[in-house]
Amino acid sequence: MSRHCRDHGRIVATAPGRVGIIGNPTDMYGGAVISVTTEERARCVLLPGDGLVIACGDSELEVATDGDLAPCDDALDIGRAIARHFGLGPDAGLRMELSTNVPVQAGMGGSASLIVAAVGALDRWFEWDMHPWKLAETARKVEYRTLGVLCGFRISTWRCSAA
């Protein structure tokens, strides 16, 4: 993936929440599920800036060293995981603002929605031109491998096709 980006202003990407109707959580074990998206959305706004700033709700982090991206069990951990996964550090030159109205801890995939929105925004920022399936798998890798959340394949797939 290219680290080169065009000169641009603000990029906004969103992803819907979801409700599992049948089969949750069998997708983690190769099973089938039926899910629907909801009107609630997670949002990632990327803006040009000095260094790397991650914001979520009332929390904000100006990344001074790569050590600032270590998990802290707070609202910024998803942004930290995204930055770690893509190798974004203090010289990234962007501000990442994450927000959501997907209810937290309600089984609606709120963390996955934020990750999909962020990966989608970064895809546009860096002009990677990911296919929706590649974007979905990348978002799943961020959640499963980098953030350490056990999740199945549908977590990201339906969001990328519905976004």
N, C-alpha and C. Protein backbone atom coordinates (compact mmCIF):
# COMPACT_ATOMS: atom_id res chain seq x y z
N MET A 1 0.83 -1.18 0.00
CA MET A 1 0.00 0.00 0.00
C MET A 1 0.87 1.25 0.00
N SER A 2 0.51 2.17 -0.83
CA SER A 2 1.28 3.40 -0.96
C SER A 2 1.12 4.28 0.27
N ARG A 3 2.18 4.94 0.66
CA ARG A 3 2.12 5.90 1.77
C ARG A 3 1.94 7.31 1.24
N HIS A 4 1.81 7.47 -0.07
CA HIS A 4 1.74 8.78 -0.68
C HIS A 4 0.29 9.22 -0.77
N CYS A 5 0.01 10.46 -0.41
CA CYS A 5 -1.36 10.95 -0.54
C CYS A 5 -1.38 12.25 -1.32
N ARG A 6 -2.52 12.52 -1.91
CA ARG A 6 -2.67 13.76 -2.66
C ARG A 6 -2.89 14.92 -1.68
N ASP A 7 -2.78 16.10 -2.18
CA ASP A 7 -3.05 17.29 -1.37
C ASP A 7 -4.56 17.46 -1.32
N HIS A 8 -5.14 17.37 -0.15
CA HIS A 8 -6.58 17.47 -0.02
C HIS A 8 -6.95 18.09 1.32
N GLY A 9 -8.20 18.35 1.45
CA GLY A 9 -8.72 18.89 2.70
C GLY A 9 -9.32 17.80 3.55
N ARG A 10 -10.58 17.89 3.78
CA ARG A 10 -11.28 17.01 4.69
C ARG A 10 -11.85 15.78 3.97
N ILE A 11 -11.69 14.63 4.60
CA ILE A 11 -12.29 13.39 4.09
C ILE A 11 -13.18 12.83 5.19
N VAL A 12 -14.41 12.46 4.82
CA VAL A 12 -15.36 11.90 5.77
C VAL A 12 -15.82 10.54 5.26
N ALA A 13 -15.81 9.54 6.14
CA ALA A 13 -16.33 8.21 5.80
C ALA A 13 -17.20 7.74 6.96
N THR A 14 -18.28 7.05 6.63
CA THR A 14 -19.17 6.52 7.66
C THR A 14 -19.42 5.04 7.41
N ALA A 15 -19.88 4.36 8.45
CA ALA A 15 -20.26 2.94 8.33
C ALA A 15 -21.43 2.69 9.28
N PRO A 16 -22.38 1.85 8.88
CA PRO A 16 -23.57 1.62 9.70
C PRO A 16 -23.34 0.65 10.86
N GLY A 17 -24.21 0.75 11.84
CA GLY A 17 -24.29 -0.28 12.88
C GLY A 17 -24.99 -1.50 12.27
N ARG A 18 -25.11 -2.57 13.05
CA ARG A 18 -25.78 -3.77 12.55
C ARG A 18 -26.46 -4.51 13.68
N VAL A 19 -27.43 -5.31 13.29
CA VAL A 19 -28.10 -6.20 14.22
C VAL A 19 -28.06 -7.60 13.61
N GLY A 20 -27.57 -8.57 14.38
CA GLY A 20 -27.56 -9.96 13.93
C GLY A 20 -28.92 -10.57 14.21
N ILE A 21 -29.59 -11.07 13.18
CA ILE A 21 -30.93 -11.65 13.36
C ILE A 21 -30.83 -13.14 13.67
N ILE A 22 -30.04 -13.86 12.88
CA ILE A 22 -29.89 -15.30 13.07
C ILE A 22 -28.41 -15.66 12.92
N GLY A 23 -27.91 -16.53 13.79
CA GLY A 23 -26.59 -17.09 13.63
C GLY A 23 -25.47 -16.44 14.41
N ASN A 24 -25.76 -15.33 15.08
CA ASN A 24 -24.70 -14.66 15.84
C ASN A 24 -24.28 -15.54 17.01
N PRO A 25 -23.07 -15.85 17.26
CA PRO A 25 -21.83 -15.44 16.62
C PRO A 25 -21.19 -16.56 15.79
N THR A 26 -21.99 -17.36 15.11
CA THR A 26 -21.43 -18.53 14.43
C THR A 26 -20.46 -18.19 13.31
N ASP A 27 -20.44 -16.94 12.84
CA ASP A 27 -19.51 -16.58 11.77
C ASP A 27 -18.06 -16.68 12.23
N MET A 28 -17.83 -16.61 13.54
CA MET A 28 -16.47 -16.76 14.06
C MET A 28 -15.97 -18.18 13.89
N TYR A 29 -16.91 -19.11 13.66
CA TYR A 29 -16.57 -20.53 13.56
C TYR A 29 -16.93 -21.09 12.19
N GLY A 30 -17.11 -20.21 11.21
CA GLY A 30 -17.42 -20.65 9.85
C GLY A 30 -18.90 -20.82 9.58
N GLY A 31 -19.75 -20.42 10.51
CA GLY A 31 -21.19 -20.57 10.34
C GLY A 31 -21.80 -19.43 9.53
N ALA A 32 -23.08 -19.58 9.25
CA ALA A 32 -23.81 -18.57 8.48
C ALA A 32 -24.59 -17.67 9.42
N VAL A 33 -24.73 -16.41 9.03
CA VAL A 33 -25.49 -15.43 9.82
C VAL A 33 -26.35 -14.59 8.88
N ILE A 34 -27.39 -14.03 9.45
CA ILE A 34 -28.18 -13.03 8.75
C ILE A 34 -28.17 -11.79 9.62
N SER A 35 -27.68 -10.70 9.06
CA SER A 35 -27.61 -9.42 9.76
C SER A 35 -28.23 -8.34 8.91
N VAL A 36 -28.67 -7.28 9.55
CA VAL A 36 -29.16 -6.10 8.84
C VAL A 36 -28.46 -4.87 9.41
N THR A 37 -28.29 -3.88 8.56
CA THR A 37 -27.69 -2.64 9.02
C THR A 37 -28.77 -1.78 9.69
N THR A 38 -28.31 -0.85 10.50
CA THR A 38 -29.21 0.06 11.18
C THR A 38 -28.94 1.48 10.71
N GLU A 39 -29.78 2.41 11.12
CA GLU A 39 -29.58 3.80 10.70
C GLU A 39 -28.44 4.48 11.47
N GLU A 40 -28.05 3.94 12.61
CA GLU A 40 -26.94 4.51 13.37
C GLU A 40 -25.65 4.35 12.58
N ARG A 41 -24.75 5.34 12.72
CA ARG A 41 -23.51 5.31 11.94
C ARG A 41 -22.32 5.73 12.77
N ALA A 42 -21.19 5.12 12.42
CA ALA A 42 -19.90 5.55 12.94
C ALA A 42 -19.28 6.44 11.87
N ARG A 43 -18.44 7.37 12.30
CA ARG A 43 -17.91 8.36 11.37
C ARG A 43 -16.44 8.60 11.65
N CYS A 44 -15.67 8.74 10.59
CA CYS A 44 -14.26 9.12 10.70
C CYS A 44 -14.03 10.33 9.79
N VAL A 45 -13.49 11.38 10.38
CA VAL A 45 -13.12 12.57 9.63
C VAL A 45 -11.60 12.68 9.67
N LEU A 46 -10.99 12.82 8.52
CA LEU A 46 -9.54 13.04 8.42
C LEU A 46 -9.30 14.45 7.92
N LEU A 47 -8.41 15.14 8.60
CA LEU A 47 -8.04 16.50 8.23
C LEU A 47 -6.53 16.60 8.17
N PRO A 48 -6.00 17.43 7.27
CA PRO A 48 -4.56 17.63 7.28
C PRO A 48 -4.15 18.31 8.59
N GLY A 49 -2.98 17.98 9.06
CA GLY A 49 -2.49 18.59 10.30
C GLY A 49 -1.02 18.36 10.48
N ASP A 50 -0.51 18.92 11.55
CA ASP A 50 0.89 18.69 11.91
C ASP A 50 0.93 17.47 12.81
N GLY A 51 1.76 16.53 12.51
CA GLY A 51 1.88 15.34 13.35
C GLY A 51 0.70 14.41 13.17
N LEU A 52 0.32 13.75 14.26
CA LEU A 52 -0.83 12.85 14.28
C LEU A 52 -1.65 13.15 15.53
N VAL A 53 -2.91 13.47 15.32
CA VAL A 53 -3.85 13.71 16.42
C VAL A 53 -5.00 12.74 16.24
N ILE A 54 -5.36 12.05 17.33
CA ILE A 54 -6.49 11.13 17.34
C ILE A 54 -7.50 11.68 18.33
N ALA A 55 -8.75 11.84 17.89
CA ALA A 55 -9.80 12.37 18.76
C ALA A 55 -11.01 11.45 18.70
N CYS A 56 -11.63 11.25 19.86
CA CYS A 56 -12.86 10.46 19.96
C CYS A 56 -13.65 10.99 21.14
N GLY A 57 -14.83 11.53 20.86
CA GLY A 57 -15.62 12.13 21.93
C GLY A 57 -14.88 13.30 22.54
N ASP A 58 -14.81 13.31 23.87
CA ASP A 58 -14.11 14.38 24.58
C ASP A 58 -12.62 14.13 24.74
N SER A 59 -12.15 12.99 24.24
CA SER A 59 -10.73 12.62 24.39
C SER A 59 -9.94 12.97 23.14
N GLU A 60 -8.71 13.40 23.35
CA GLU A 60 -7.84 13.75 22.23
C GLU A 60 -6.41 13.41 22.60
N LEU A 61 -5.67 12.90 21.63
CA LEU A 61 -4.28 12.52 21.84
C LEU A 61 -3.43 13.09 20.72
N GLU A 62 -2.43 13.88 21.07
CA GLU A 62 -1.43 14.31 20.11
C GLU A 62 -0.27 13.33 20.24
N VAL A 63 -0.03 12.54 19.21
CA VAL A 63 0.97 11.49 19.25
C VAL A 63 2.36 12.10 19.10
N ALA A 64 3.17 11.96 20.15
CA ALA A 64 4.53 12.49 20.14
C ALA A 64 5.55 11.41 19.83
N THR A 65 5.27 10.17 20.26
CA THR A 65 6.16 9.05 20.02
C THR A 65 5.30 7.83 19.68
N ASP A 66 5.91 6.81 19.10
CA ASP A 66 5.18 5.58 18.81
C ASP A 66 4.63 4.95 20.08
N GLY A 67 5.27 5.19 21.22
CA GLY A 67 4.79 4.67 22.49
C GLY A 67 3.43 5.21 22.88
N ASP A 68 3.05 6.36 22.35
CA ASP A 68 1.72 6.93 22.63
C ASP A 68 0.60 6.10 22.02
N LEU A 69 0.96 5.18 21.11
CA LEU A 69 -0.04 4.36 20.44
C LEU A 69 -0.30 3.03 21.15
N ALA A 70 0.34 2.82 22.30
CA ALA A 70 0.09 1.60 23.08
C ALA A 70 -1.33 1.66 23.65
N PRO A 71 -2.01 0.50 23.74
CA PRO A 71 -3.37 0.48 24.29
C PRO A 71 -3.41 1.04 25.71
N CYS A 72 -4.47 1.79 26.01
CA CYS A 72 -4.65 2.39 27.34
C CYS A 72 -6.02 2.10 27.93
N ASP A 73 -6.81 1.24 27.28
CA ASP A 73 -8.16 0.90 27.74
C ASP A 73 -9.02 2.14 27.90
N ASP A 74 -9.02 2.97 26.86
CA ASP A 74 -9.85 4.18 26.89
C ASP A 74 -10.50 4.40 25.52
N ALA A 75 -11.18 5.52 25.37
CA ALA A 75 -11.93 5.81 24.14
C ALA A 75 -11.05 5.95 22.91
N LEU A 76 -9.75 6.14 23.10
CA LEU A 76 -8.86 6.35 21.97
C LEU A 76 -8.19 5.07 21.47
N ASP A 77 -8.46 3.94 22.12
CA ASP A 77 -7.78 2.69 21.74
C ASP A 77 -8.07 2.25 20.30
N ILE A 78 -9.27 2.49 19.80
CA ILE A 78 -9.56 2.12 18.41
C ILE A 78 -8.70 2.96 17.47
N GLY A 79 -8.62 4.25 17.71
CA GLY A 79 -7.77 5.11 16.89
C GLY A 79 -6.31 4.72 16.99
N ARG A 80 -5.87 4.38 18.20
CA ARG A 80 -4.48 3.93 18.38
C ARG A 80 -4.21 2.66 17.57
N ALA A 81 -5.16 1.71 17.61
CA ALA A 81 -4.99 0.45 16.89
C ALA A 81 -4.93 0.69 15.38
N ILE A 82 -5.77 1.58 14.88
CA ILE A 82 -5.76 1.90 13.45
C ILE A 82 -4.41 2.50 13.07
N ALA A 83 -3.93 3.44 13.88
CA ALA A 83 -2.62 4.07 13.59
C ALA A 83 -1.50 3.03 13.62
N ARG A 84 -1.51 2.14 14.63
CA ARG A 84 -0.48 1.09 14.70
C ARG A 84 -0.53 0.18 13.49
N HIS A 85 -1.73 -0.24 13.13
CA HIS A 85 -1.89 -1.18 12.03
C HIS A 85 -1.32 -0.62 10.72
N PHE A 86 -1.55 0.65 10.48
CA PHE A 86 -1.11 1.27 9.23
C PHE A 86 0.24 1.96 9.35
N GLY A 87 0.89 1.85 10.50
CA GLY A 87 2.21 2.45 10.67
C GLY A 87 2.19 3.97 10.70
N LEU A 88 1.07 4.55 11.12
CA LEU A 88 0.99 6.00 11.24
C LEU A 88 1.63 6.42 12.56
N GLY A 89 2.49 7.40 12.51
CA GLY A 89 3.17 7.86 13.70
C GLY A 89 3.14 9.37 13.81
N PRO A 90 4.02 9.91 14.63
CA PRO A 90 4.02 11.35 14.89
C PRO A 90 4.18 12.24 13.66
N ASP A 91 4.67 11.68 12.55
CA ASP A 91 4.87 12.47 11.34
C ASP A 91 3.79 12.24 10.28
N ALA A 92 2.64 11.69 10.67
CA ALA A 92 1.59 11.31 9.72
C ALA A 92 0.97 12.51 8.99
N GLY A 93 0.94 13.66 9.63
CA GLY A 93 0.36 14.85 8.99
C GLY A 93 -1.15 14.81 8.87
N LEU A 94 -1.82 14.22 9.88
CA LEU A 94 -3.28 14.20 9.83
C LEU A 94 -3.91 14.19 11.22
N ARG A 95 -5.15 14.60 11.22
CA ARG A 95 -5.99 14.55 12.41
C ARG A 95 -7.12 13.57 12.12
N MET A 96 -7.30 12.56 12.98
CA MET A 96 -8.34 11.55 12.84
C MET A 96 -9.38 11.78 13.93
N GLU A 97 -10.61 12.12 13.51
CA GLU A 97 -11.70 12.35 14.45
C GLU A 97 -12.72 11.21 14.31
N LEU A 98 -12.89 10.44 15.36
CA LEU A 98 -13.81 9.31 15.36
C LEU A 98 -15.04 9.66 16.20
N SER A 99 -16.22 9.31 15.70
CA SER A 99 -17.46 9.53 16.46
C SER A 99 -18.47 8.47 16.03
N THR A 100 -19.45 8.25 16.88
CA THR A 100 -20.47 7.25 16.55
C THR A 100 -21.74 7.50 17.34
N ASN A 101 -22.87 7.13 16.74
CA ASN A 101 -24.12 7.09 17.50
C ASN A 101 -24.63 5.64 17.57
N VAL A 102 -23.75 4.68 17.23
CA VAL A 102 -24.06 3.26 17.42
C VAL A 102 -23.91 2.99 18.92
N PRO A 103 -24.96 2.48 19.58
CA PRO A 103 -24.86 2.25 21.02
C PRO A 103 -23.68 1.34 21.40
N VAL A 104 -22.96 1.75 22.43
CA VAL A 104 -21.79 1.02 22.91
C VAL A 104 -22.24 -0.22 23.69
N GLN A 105 -21.52 -1.33 23.48
CA GLN A 105 -21.77 -2.57 24.22
C GLN A 105 -23.22 -3.06 24.07
N ALA A 106 -23.83 -2.82 22.90
CA ALA A 106 -25.21 -3.22 22.68
C ALA A 106 -25.33 -4.35 21.65
N GLY A 107 -24.19 -4.93 21.25
CA GLY A 107 -24.22 -6.00 20.27
C GLY A 107 -24.51 -5.53 18.86
N MET A 108 -24.24 -4.25 18.59
CA MET A 108 -24.50 -3.69 17.26
C MET A 108 -23.21 -3.45 16.48
N GLY A 109 -22.10 -4.00 16.96
CA GLY A 109 -20.84 -3.90 16.23
C GLY A 109 -20.27 -2.50 16.15
N GLY A 110 -20.38 -1.75 17.23
CA GLY A 110 -19.92 -0.37 17.23
C GLY A 110 -18.44 -0.19 16.95
N SER A 111 -17.61 -1.05 17.54
CA SER A 111 -16.17 -0.91 17.30
C SER A 111 -15.83 -1.23 15.84
N ALA A 112 -16.46 -2.25 15.28
CA ALA A 112 -16.22 -2.59 13.88
C ALA A 112 -16.67 -1.46 12.96
N SER A 113 -17.77 -0.81 13.29
CA SER A 113 -18.25 0.31 12.47
C SER A 113 -17.23 1.44 12.46
N LEU A 114 -16.67 1.76 13.62
CA LEU A 114 -15.65 2.81 13.68
C LEU A 114 -14.42 2.43 12.85
N ILE A 115 -14.02 1.17 12.95
CA ILE A 115 -12.84 0.72 12.21
C ILE A 115 -13.10 0.77 10.71
N VAL A 116 -14.26 0.30 10.26
CA VAL A 116 -14.58 0.34 8.84
C VAL A 116 -14.60 1.78 8.34
N ALA A 117 -15.19 2.68 9.10
CA ALA A 117 -15.21 4.09 8.69
C ALA A 117 -13.79 4.64 8.58
N ALA A 118 -12.95 4.32 9.55
CA ALA A 118 -11.57 4.82 9.53
C ALA A 118 -10.76 4.23 8.38
N VAL A 119 -10.90 2.92 8.14
CA VAL A 119 -10.17 2.30 7.03
C VAL A 119 -10.65 2.89 5.70
N GLY A 120 -11.95 3.12 5.59
CA GLY A 120 -12.48 3.74 4.38
C GLY A 120 -11.93 5.15 4.17
N ALA A 121 -11.85 5.93 5.24
CA ALA A 121 -11.30 7.28 5.13
C ALA A 121 -9.82 7.25 4.76
N LEU A 122 -9.07 6.36 5.40
CA LEU A 122 -7.64 6.24 5.09
C LEU A 122 -7.42 5.75 3.66
N ASP A 123 -8.29 4.87 3.20
CA ASP A 123 -8.21 4.39 1.82
C ASP A 123 -8.29 5.58 0.85
N ARG A 124 -9.18 6.51 1.12
CA ARG A 124 -9.30 7.69 0.26
C ARG A 124 -8.13 8.65 0.47
N TRP A 125 -7.71 8.81 1.73
CA TRP A 125 -6.61 9.73 2.06
C TRP A 125 -5.33 9.35 1.33
N PHE A 126 -5.00 8.05 1.39
CA PHE A 126 -3.75 7.58 0.78
C PHE A 126 -3.93 7.09 -0.66
N GLU A 127 -5.16 7.16 -1.18
CA GLU A 127 -5.47 6.74 -2.54
C GLU A 127 -5.06 5.29 -2.82
N TRP A 128 -5.37 4.41 -1.88
CA TRP A 128 -5.07 2.99 -2.06
C TRP A 128 -6.03 2.33 -3.04
N ASP A 129 -7.25 2.85 -3.14
CA ASP A 129 -8.27 2.32 -4.04
C ASP A 129 -8.57 0.84 -3.75
N MET A 130 -8.83 0.54 -2.47
CA MET A 130 -9.15 -0.82 -2.07
C MET A 130 -10.51 -1.26 -2.62
N HIS A 131 -10.57 -2.48 -3.07
CA HIS A 131 -11.84 -3.11 -3.41
C HIS A 131 -12.63 -3.26 -2.11
N PRO A 132 -13.96 -3.17 -2.14
CA PRO A 132 -14.74 -3.30 -0.89
C PRO A 132 -14.41 -4.56 -0.08
N TRP A 133 -14.14 -5.68 -0.74
CA TRP A 133 -13.79 -6.90 0.00
C TRP A 133 -12.43 -6.75 0.69
N LYS A 134 -11.49 -6.10 0.04
CA LYS A 134 -10.17 -5.85 0.63
C LYS A 134 -10.31 -4.90 1.82
N LEU A 135 -11.14 -3.88 1.68
CA LEU A 135 -11.39 -2.95 2.77
C LEU A 135 -11.99 -3.71 3.97
N ALA A 136 -12.95 -4.60 3.67
CA ALA A 136 -13.59 -5.37 4.74
C ALA A 136 -12.58 -6.26 5.47
N GLU A 137 -11.75 -6.96 4.72
CA GLU A 137 -10.76 -7.84 5.34
C GLU A 137 -9.72 -7.04 6.10
N THR A 138 -9.33 -5.89 5.59
CA THR A 138 -8.38 -5.04 6.30
C THR A 138 -8.97 -4.56 7.61
N ALA A 139 -10.23 -4.14 7.59
CA ALA A 139 -10.89 -3.71 8.82
C ALA A 139 -10.97 -4.85 9.83
N ARG A 140 -11.26 -6.06 9.36
CA ARG A 140 -11.31 -7.21 10.26
C ARG A 140 -9.94 -7.47 10.88
N LYS A 141 -8.88 -7.35 10.08
CA LYS A 141 -7.53 -7.55 10.61
C LYS A 141 -7.20 -6.51 11.68
N VAL A 142 -7.62 -5.27 11.46
CA VAL A 142 -7.39 -4.24 12.49
C VAL A 142 -8.08 -4.65 13.78
N GLU A 143 -9.34 -5.06 13.68
CA GLU A 143 -10.10 -5.40 14.89
C GLU A 143 -9.57 -6.66 15.56
N TYR A 144 -9.32 -7.71 14.77
CA TYR A 144 -8.92 -9.01 15.33
C TYR A 144 -7.45 -9.04 15.74
N ARG A 145 -6.58 -8.65 14.83
CA ARG A 145 -5.14 -8.78 15.10
C ARG A 145 -4.56 -7.61 15.90
N THR A 146 -4.95 -6.39 15.53
CA THR A 146 -4.32 -5.23 16.15
C THR A 146 -5.03 -4.81 17.43
N LEU A 147 -6.36 -4.78 17.39
CA LEU A 147 -7.11 -4.39 18.59
C LEU A 147 -7.31 -5.57 19.54
N GLY A 148 -7.26 -6.79 19.00
CA GLY A 148 -7.39 -7.98 19.85
C GLY A 148 -8.81 -8.36 20.19
N VAL A 149 -9.77 -7.99 19.34
CA VAL A 149 -11.17 -8.31 19.57
C VAL A 149 -11.55 -9.54 18.75
N LEU A 150 -12.09 -10.55 19.38
CA LEU A 150 -12.53 -11.75 18.69
C LEU A 150 -13.75 -11.38 17.85
N CYS A 151 -13.66 -11.59 16.55
CA CYS A 151 -14.76 -11.22 15.66
C CYS A 151 -14.78 -12.15 14.46
N GLY A 152 -15.93 -12.21 13.82
CA GLY A 152 -16.08 -13.03 12.64
C GLY A 152 -15.95 -12.21 11.37
N PHE A 153 -16.12 -12.88 10.23
CA PHE A 153 -15.94 -12.21 8.95
C PHE A 153 -17.08 -11.26 8.61
N ARG A 154 -18.28 -11.51 9.08
CA ARG A 154 -19.39 -10.63 8.71
C ARG A 154 -19.25 -9.27 9.35
N ILE A 155 -18.47 -9.18 10.43
CA ILE A 155 -18.35 -7.94 11.17
C ILE A 155 -18.02 -6.78 10.24
N SER A 156 -17.10 -6.97 9.33
CA SER A 156 -16.72 -5.88 8.43
C SER A 156 -17.36 -5.99 7.06
N THR A 157 -17.61 -7.20 6.59
CA THR A 157 -18.06 -7.39 5.22
C THR A 157 -19.36 -6.67 4.91
N TRP A 158 -20.37 -6.82 5.76
CA TRP A 158 -21.66 -6.18 5.45
C TRP A 158 -21.56 -4.68 5.54
N ARG A 159 -20.66 -4.16 6.37
CA ARG A 159 -20.54 -2.71 6.49
C ARG A 159 -19.94 -2.10 5.22
N CYS A 160 -18.98 -2.78 4.64
CA CYS A 160 -18.33 -2.25 3.45
C CYS A 160 -19.25 -2.29 2.25
N SER A 161 -20.15 -3.25 2.19
CA SER A 161 -21.07 -3.31 1.07
C SER A 161 -22.28 -2.42 1.30
N ALA A 162 -22.56 -2.06 2.56
CA ALA A 162 -23.72 -1.23 2.87
C ALA A 162 -23.35 0.24 3.05
N ALA A 163 -22.05 0.53 3.20
CA ALA A 163 -21.64 1.89 3.55
C ALA A 163 -21.92 2.89 2.46
